[in-house]
Amino acid sequence: MMNDSLQRCPWCLSDSEYQQYHDYEWGVPLHDEQKLFSLLILEGAQAGLSWITILKRRKGYLDAMDNLDPDKLARYNDSDITRLMLDSRIIQNRRKLESAVSNARAFLAMKERGISFSNWLWAWVEDRPIQNHWSSLSEVPAVTPLSDTISRELKRLGFTFVGPTIIYAYMQSAGLVNDHLVQCYRHYELLPG
């Protein structure tokens, strides 16, 4: 636990690694294509699990899966999936691992058509994070009409493990939406201007 008097969102208080993530990553606008892709893969891996479970395995994913580089992942085959299924540093779920490979291919297909994934994603919020003003965790939605629309479009483009709940969590973590509670010190630090 961090020894300071800063008020944070309550979901991160149980673990110092979680607090670090909350303080320095969660909700910070992310535009880097590689980092956005990596985060999308990790959010998909979270399906049915808690984010802290994935956060504690993030280094394992990066080490086991070529830094989640879409160019390398797109070339993975059945033997790579079999190797990963034996790797205890990651979640050993065949469908999620196959999804990482197919998502890398979908990501590269967009790139080959001249579409920047970052620009495409940020266009949904007109290049400005949505600023919410929640007072309690019970107010924060798990899904929104926008996450539902982005999810549908990603599926149409060939992505998998991108349901509306996963996409809303992705929007929160990548900073497309500021869902830090109003009493959290990060809420105001992430306001524009």
C-alpha atoms as a PDB file:
ATOM      1  CA  MET A   1       0.000   0.000   0.000  1.00  0.00           C
ATOM      2  CA  MET A   2       1.152   3.520  -0.745  1.00  0.00           C
ATOM      3  CA  ASN A   3       1.773   5.651   2.295  1.00  0.00           C
ATOM      4  CA  ASP A   4       0.266   8.981   1.285  1.00  0.00           C
ATOM      5  CA  SER A   5      -2.911  10.909   1.890  1.00  0.00           C
ATOM      6  CA  LEU A   6      -4.117  11.105  -1.704  1.00  0.00           C
ATOM      7  CA  GLN A   7      -7.727  10.113  -2.247  1.00  0.00           C
ATOM      8  CA  ARG A   8      -8.097   7.502  -4.977  1.00  0.00           C
ATOM      9  CA  CYS A   9     -10.823   5.493  -6.648  1.00  0.00           C
ATOM     10  CA  PRO A  10     -11.641   2.698  -4.176  1.00  0.00           C
ATOM     11  CA  TRP A  11     -11.153  -0.133  -6.704  1.00  0.00           C
ATOM     12  CA  CYS A  12      -7.353   0.245  -6.576  1.00  0.00           C
ATOM     13  CA  LEU A  13      -6.803   0.403  -2.817  1.00  0.00           C
ATOM     14  CA  SER A  14      -6.140  -3.275  -2.123  1.00  0.00           C
ATOM     15  CA  ASP A  15      -2.808  -3.583  -3.929  1.00  0.00           C
ATOM     16  CA  SER A  16       0.211  -1.307  -4.462  1.00  0.00           C
ATOM     17  CA  GLU A  17       0.629  -2.456  -8.092  1.00  0.00           C
ATOM     18  CA  TYR A  18      -3.023  -1.600  -8.690  1.00  0.00           C
ATOM     19  CA  GLN A  19      -2.476   1.849  -7.167  1.00  0.00           C
ATOM     20  CA  GLN A  20       0.532   2.449  -9.422  1.00  0.00           C
ATOM     21  CA  TYR A  21      -1.579   1.491 -12.437  1.00  0.00           C
ATOM     22  CA  HIS A  22      -4.400   3.773 -11.253  1.00  0.00           C
ATOM     23  CA  ASP A  23      -2.064   6.696 -10.598  1.00  0.00           C
ATOM     24  CA  TYR A  24       0.015   6.580 -13.772  1.00  0.00           C
ATOM     25  CA  GLU A  25      -1.877   4.676 -16.484  1.00  0.00           C
ATOM     26  CA  TRP A  26      -5.624   4.266 -16.022  1.00  0.00           C
ATOM     27  CA  GLY A  27      -7.521   7.019 -17.788  1.00  0.00           C
ATOM     28  CA  VAL A  28      -4.452   8.665 -19.309  1.00  0.00           C
ATOM     29  CA  PRO A  29      -5.187   9.389 -22.997  1.00  0.00           C
ATOM     30  CA  LEU A  30      -3.273   6.807 -25.026  1.00  0.00           C
ATOM     31  CA  HIS A  31      -2.598   7.392 -28.727  1.00  0.00           C
ATOM     32  CA  ASP A  32       0.359   5.105 -29.435  1.00  0.00           C
ATOM     33  CA  GLU A  33      -0.787   2.402 -31.899  1.00  0.00           C
ATOM     34  CA  GLN A  34       1.321  -0.396 -30.401  1.00  0.00           C
ATOM     35  CA  LYS A  35       0.229   0.404 -26.841  1.00  0.00           C
ATOM     36  CA  LEU A  36      -3.428   0.653 -27.876  1.00  0.00           C
ATOM     37  CA  PHE A  37      -3.185  -2.742 -29.560  1.00  0.00           C
ATOM     38  CA  SER A  38      -1.438  -4.335 -26.560  1.00  0.00           C
ATOM     39  CA  LEU A  39      -4.047  -2.922 -24.208  1.00  0.00           C
ATOM     40  CA  LEU A  40      -6.864  -4.264 -26.394  1.00  0.00           C
ATOM     41  CA  ILE A  41      -5.348  -7.762 -26.204  1.00  0.00           C
ATOM     42  CA  LEU A  42      -4.962  -7.546 -22.427  1.00  0.00           C
ATOM     43  CA  GLU A  43      -8.518  -6.243 -21.983  1.00  0.00           C
ATOM     44  CA  GLY A  44      -9.762  -9.209 -24.025  1.00  0.00           C
ATOM     45  CA  ALA A  45      -7.709 -11.556 -21.845  1.00  0.00           C
ATOM     46  CA  GLN A  46      -9.495 -10.098 -18.824  1.00  0.00           C
ATOM     47  CA  ALA A  47     -12.925 -11.358 -19.947  1.00  0.00           C
ATOM     48  CA  GLY A  48     -14.429 -13.207 -16.977  1.00  0.00           C
ATOM     49  CA  LEU A  49     -11.516 -12.250 -14.716  1.00  0.00           C
ATOM     50  CA  SER A  50     -10.451  -9.242 -12.676  1.00  0.00           C
ATOM     51  CA  TRP A  51      -8.111  -6.623 -14.135  1.00  0.00           C
ATOM     52  CA  ILE A  52      -5.601  -7.165 -11.300  1.00  0.00           C
ATOM     53  CA  THR A  53      -5.259 -10.778 -12.488  1.00  0.00           C
ATOM     54  CA  ILE A  54      -4.165  -9.541 -15.931  1.00  0.00           C
ATOM     55  CA  LEU A  55      -2.122  -6.651 -14.571  1.00  0.00           C
ATOM     56  CA  LYS A  56      -0.020  -9.058 -12.515  1.00  0.00           C
ATOM     57  CA  ARG A  57       0.564 -11.152 -15.669  1.00  0.00           C
ATOM     58  CA  ARG A  58       1.195  -8.259 -18.060  1.00  0.00           C
ATOM     59  CA  LYS A  59       4.960  -8.787 -18.077  1.00  0.00           C
ATOM     60  CA  GLY A  60       4.352 -12.489 -18.715  1.00  0.00           C
ATOM     61  CA  TYR A  61       2.216 -11.646 -21.753  1.00  0.00           C
ATOM     62  CA  LEU A  62       4.835  -9.262 -23.099  1.00  0.00           C
ATOM     63  CA  ASP A  63       7.621 -11.810 -22.582  1.00  0.00           C
ATOM     64  CA  ALA A  64       5.696 -14.814 -23.898  1.00  0.00           C
ATOM     65  CA  MET A  65       4.041 -13.086 -26.862  1.00  0.00           C
ATOM     66  CA  ASP A  66       6.715 -10.939 -28.529  1.00  0.00           C
ATOM     67  CA  ASN A  67       5.757  -7.754 -26.636  1.00  0.00           C
ATOM     68  CA  LEU A  68       2.266  -8.131 -28.130  1.00  0.00           C
ATOM     69  CA  ASP A  69       3.650  -6.803 -31.404  1.00  0.00           C
ATOM     70  CA  PRO A  70       0.853  -7.185 -33.981  1.00  0.00           C
ATOM     71  CA  ASP A  71       3.324  -7.853 -36.833  1.00  0.00           C
ATOM     72  CA  LYS A  72       4.747 -10.837 -34.940  1.00  0.00           C
ATOM     73  CA  LEU A  73       1.457 -12.063 -33.443  1.00  0.00           C
ATOM     74  CA  ALA A  74      -0.200 -12.110 -36.864  1.00  0.00           C
ATOM     75  CA  ARG A  75       2.289 -14.800 -37.925  1.00  0.00           C
ATOM     76  CA  TYR A  76       1.561 -17.106 -34.985  1.00  0.00           C
ATOM     77  CA  ASN A  77       0.314 -20.586 -35.853  1.00  0.00           C
ATOM     78  CA  ASP A  78      -1.058 -23.622 -34.009  1.00  0.00           C
ATOM     79  CA  SER A  79       2.353 -24.541 -32.590  1.00  0.00           C
ATOM     80  CA  ASP A  80       2.662 -21.058 -31.077  1.00  0.00           C
ATOM     81  CA  ILE A  81      -0.766 -21.419 -29.480  1.00  0.00           C
ATOM     82  CA  THR A  82       0.216 -24.844 -28.127  1.00  0.00           C
ATOM     83  CA  ARG A  83       3.415 -23.352 -26.662  1.00  0.00           C
ATOM     84  CA  LEU A  84       1.451 -20.546 -25.037  1.00  0.00           C
ATOM     85  CA  MET A  85      -1.058 -22.989 -23.564  1.00  0.00           C
ATOM     86  CA  LEU A  86       1.827 -24.372 -21.481  1.00  0.00           C
ATOM     87  CA  ASP A  87       3.059 -20.956 -20.298  1.00  0.00           C
ATOM     88  CA  SER A  88       2.023 -20.286 -16.691  1.00  0.00           C
ATOM     89  CA  ARG A  89       2.916 -16.584 -16.974  1.00  0.00           C
ATOM     90  CA  ILE A  90      -0.293 -15.931 -18.928  1.00  0.00           C
ATOM     91  CA  ILE A  91      -3.950 -16.981 -18.869  1.00  0.00           C
ATOM     92  CA  GLN A  92      -3.977 -20.314 -20.666  1.00  0.00           C
ATOM     93  CA  ASN A  93      -7.193 -19.954 -22.599  1.00  0.00           C
ATOM     94  CA  ARG A  94      -7.033 -21.145 -26.205  1.00  0.00           C
ATOM     95  CA  ARG A  95      -9.879 -18.922 -27.445  1.00  0.00           C
ATOM     96  CA  LYS A  96      -8.296 -15.816 -25.941  1.00  0.00           C
ATOM     97  CA  LEU A  97      -4.887 -16.692 -27.380  1.00  0.00           C
ATOM     98  CA  GLU A  98      -6.352 -17.358 -30.819  1.00  0.00           C
ATOM     99  CA  SER A  99      -8.196 -14.055 -30.499  1.00  0.00           C
ATOM    100  CA  ALA A 100      -4.892 -12.221 -29.950  1.00  0.00           C
ATOM    101  CA  VAL A 101      -3.637 -13.646 -33.253  1.00  0.00           C
ATOM    102  CA  SER A 102      -6.821 -12.869 -35.204  1.00  0.00           C
ATOM    103  CA  ASN A 103      -6.948  -9.381 -33.675  1.00  0.00           C
ATOM    104  CA  ALA A 104      -3.366  -8.759 -34.794  1.00  0.00           C
ATOM    105  CA  ARG A 105      -4.415  -9.724 -38.326  1.00  0.00           C
ATOM    106  CA  ALA A 106      -7.479  -7.443 -38.175  1.00  0.00           C
ATOM    107  CA  PHE A 107      -5.333  -4.594 -36.828  1.00  0.00           C
ATOM    108  CA  LEU A 108      -2.824  -5.046 -39.678  1.00  0.00           C
ATOM    109  CA  ALA A 109      -5.646  -5.259 -42.238  1.00  0.00           C
ATOM    110  CA  MET A 110      -6.800  -1.812 -41.108  1.00  0.00           C
ATOM    111  CA  LYS A 111      -3.250  -0.527 -41.405  1.00  0.00           C
ATOM    112  CA  GLU A 112      -2.904  -1.994 -44.915  1.00  0.00           C
ATOM    113  CA  ARG A 113      -6.048  -0.072 -45.911  1.00  0.00           C
ATOM    114  CA  GLY A 114      -4.407   3.127 -44.644  1.00  0.00           C
ATOM    115  CA  ILE A 115      -6.492   3.330 -41.470  1.00  0.00           C
ATOM    116  CA  SER A 116      -4.705   4.406 -38.301  1.00  0.00           C
ATOM    117  CA  PHE A 117      -6.191   2.403 -35.437  1.00  0.00           C
ATOM    118  CA  SER A 118      -5.519   5.283 -33.042  1.00  0.00           C
ATOM    119  CA  ASN A 119      -7.212   7.853 -35.284  1.00  0.00           C
ATOM    120  CA  TRP A 120     -10.135   5.486 -35.909  1.00  0.00           C
ATOM    121  CA  LEU A 121     -10.610   4.873 -32.184  1.00  0.00           C
ATOM    122  CA  TRP A 122     -10.254   8.487 -31.058  1.00  0.00           C
ATOM    123  CA  ALA A 123     -12.641   9.702 -33.771  1.00  0.00           C
ATOM    124  CA  TRP A 124     -15.446   8.045 -31.776  1.00  0.00           C
ATOM    125  CA  VAL A 125     -14.937  10.670 -29.048  1.00  0.00           C
ATOM    126  CA  GLU A 126     -14.004  13.491 -31.447  1.00  0.00           C
ATOM    127  CA  ASP A 127     -10.392  13.314 -30.204  1.00  0.00           C
ATOM    128  CA  ARG A 128     -11.372  14.488 -26.708  1.00  0.00           C
ATOM    129  CA  PRO A 129     -11.864  12.233 -23.683  1.00  0.00           C
ATOM    130  CA  ILE A 130     -15.418  12.033 -22.382  1.00  0.00           C
ATOM    131  CA  GLN A 131     -15.428  13.664 -18.938  1.00  0.00           C
ATOM    132  CA  ASN A 132     -17.732  11.903 -16.511  1.00  0.00           C
ATOM    133  CA  HIS A 133     -18.407  13.134 -12.986  1.00  0.00           C
ATOM    134  CA  TRP A 134     -19.270  10.056 -10.950  1.00  0.00           C
ATOM    135  CA  SER A 135     -19.416  10.209  -7.138  1.00  0.00           C
ATOM    136  CA  SER A 136     -19.512   6.476  -6.466  1.00  0.00           C
ATOM    137  CA  LEU A 137     -18.521   3.246  -8.204  1.00  0.00           C
ATOM    138  CA  SER A 138     -22.184   2.245  -8.373  1.00  0.00           C
ATOM    139  CA  GLU A 139     -22.794   5.105 -10.835  1.00  0.00           C
ATOM    140  CA  VAL A 140     -20.087   3.985 -13.284  1.00  0.00           C
ATOM    141  CA  PRO A 141     -21.618   1.972 -16.128  1.00  0.00           C
ATOM    142  CA  ALA A 142     -20.204  -1.332 -17.330  1.00  0.00           C
ATOM    143  CA  VAL A 143     -21.359  -0.606 -20.868  1.00  0.00           C
ATOM    144  CA  THR A 144     -22.590   2.434 -22.785  1.00  0.00           C
ATOM    145  CA  PRO A 145     -24.291   2.943 -26.147  1.00  0.00           C
ATOM    146  CA  LEU A 146     -20.919   4.143 -27.490  1.00  0.00           C
ATOM    147  CA  SER A 147     -19.020   1.068 -26.261  1.00  0.00           C
ATOM    148  CA  ASP A 148     -21.747  -1.051 -27.843  1.00  0.00           C
ATOM    149  CA  THR A 149     -21.297   0.748 -31.186  1.00  0.00           C
ATOM    150  CA  ILE A 150     -17.483   0.522 -31.107  1.00  0.00           C
ATOM    151  CA  SER A 151     -17.758  -3.166 -30.185  1.00  0.00           C
ATOM    152  CA  ARG A 152     -20.045  -3.839 -33.166  1.00  0.00           C
ATOM    153  CA  GLU A 153     -17.694  -2.000 -35.529  1.00  0.00           C
ATOM    154  CA  LEU A 154     -14.613  -3.826 -34.249  1.00  0.00           C
ATOM    155  CA  LYS A 155     -16.397  -7.155 -34.739  1.00  0.00           C
ATOM    156  CA  ARG A 156     -17.332  -6.100 -38.267  1.00  0.00           C
ATOM    157  CA  LEU A 157     -13.622  -5.420 -38.876  1.00  0.00           C
ATOM    158  CA  GLY A 158     -12.727  -8.926 -37.733  1.00  0.00           C
ATOM    159  CA  PHE A 159     -11.808  -8.391 -34.069  1.00  0.00           C
ATOM    160  CA  THR A 160     -12.890 -10.820 -31.360  1.00  0.00           C
ATOM    161  CA  PHE A 161     -13.159 -10.617 -27.557  1.00  0.00           C
ATOM    162  CA  VAL A 162     -14.307  -7.033 -28.013  1.00  0.00           C
ATOM    163  CA  GLY A 163     -17.771  -7.121 -26.451  1.00  0.00           C
ATOM    164  CA  PRO A 164     -19.309  -3.866 -25.194  1.00  0.00           C
ATOM    165  CA  THR A 165     -18.212  -4.439 -21.579  1.00  0.00           C
ATOM    166  CA  ILE A 166     -14.620  -5.159 -22.634  1.00  0.00           C
ATOM    167  CA  ILE A 167     -14.670  -2.098 -24.873  1.00  0.00           C
ATOM    168  CA  TYR A 168     -15.962   0.176 -22.122  1.00  0.00           C
ATOM    169  CA  ALA A 169     -13.169  -1.021 -19.811  1.00  0.00           C
ATOM    170  CA  TYR A 170     -10.761  -0.405 -22.707  1.00  0.00           C
ATOM    171  CA  MET A 171     -12.123   3.120 -23.198  1.00  0.00           C
ATOM    172  CA  GLN A 172     -11.601   3.802 -19.490  1.00  0.00           C
ATOM    173  CA  SER A 173      -8.061   2.453 -19.383  1.00  0.00           C
ATOM    174  CA  ALA A 174      -6.985   4.115 -22.666  1.00  0.00           C
ATOM    175  CA  GLY A 175      -8.338   7.463 -21.498  1.00  0.00           C
ATOM    176  CA  LEU A 176     -11.136   7.871 -24.030  1.00  0.00           C
ATOM    177  CA  VAL A 177     -13.310   8.401 -20.977  1.00  0.00           C
ATOM    178  CA  ASN A 178     -12.354   9.858 -17.594  1.00  0.00           C
ATOM    179  CA  ASP A 179     -14.126   7.664 -15.062  1.00  0.00           C
ATOM    180  CA  HIS A 180     -12.025   8.568 -12.030  1.00  0.00           C
ATOM    181  CA  LEU A 181     -14.491   9.444  -9.302  1.00  0.00           C
ATOM    182  CA  VAL A 182     -14.792  13.168  -8.594  1.00  0.00           C
ATOM    183  CA  GLN A 183     -13.186  12.784  -5.164  1.00  0.00           C
ATOM    184  CA  CYS A 184     -10.145  11.028  -6.686  1.00  0.00           C
ATOM    185  CA  TYR A 185      -7.143  13.288  -7.160  1.00  0.00           C
ATOM    186  CA  ARG A 186      -6.625  11.922 -10.701  1.00  0.00           C
ATOM    187  CA  HIS A 187     -10.069  13.053 -11.866  1.00  0.00           C
ATOM    188  CA  TYR A 188      -9.075  16.711 -11.940  1.00  0.00           C
ATOM    189  CA  GLU A 189      -5.543  16.062 -13.159  1.00  0.00           C
ATOM    190  CA  LEU A 190      -7.016  14.454 -16.271  1.00  0.00           C
ATOM    191  CA  LEU A 191      -9.441  17.256 -17.097  1.00  0.00           C
ATOM    192  CA  PRO A 192      -8.488  19.174 -20.264  1.00  0.00           C
ATOM    193  CA  GLY A 193      -6.755  22.528 -20.119  1.00  0.00           C
END
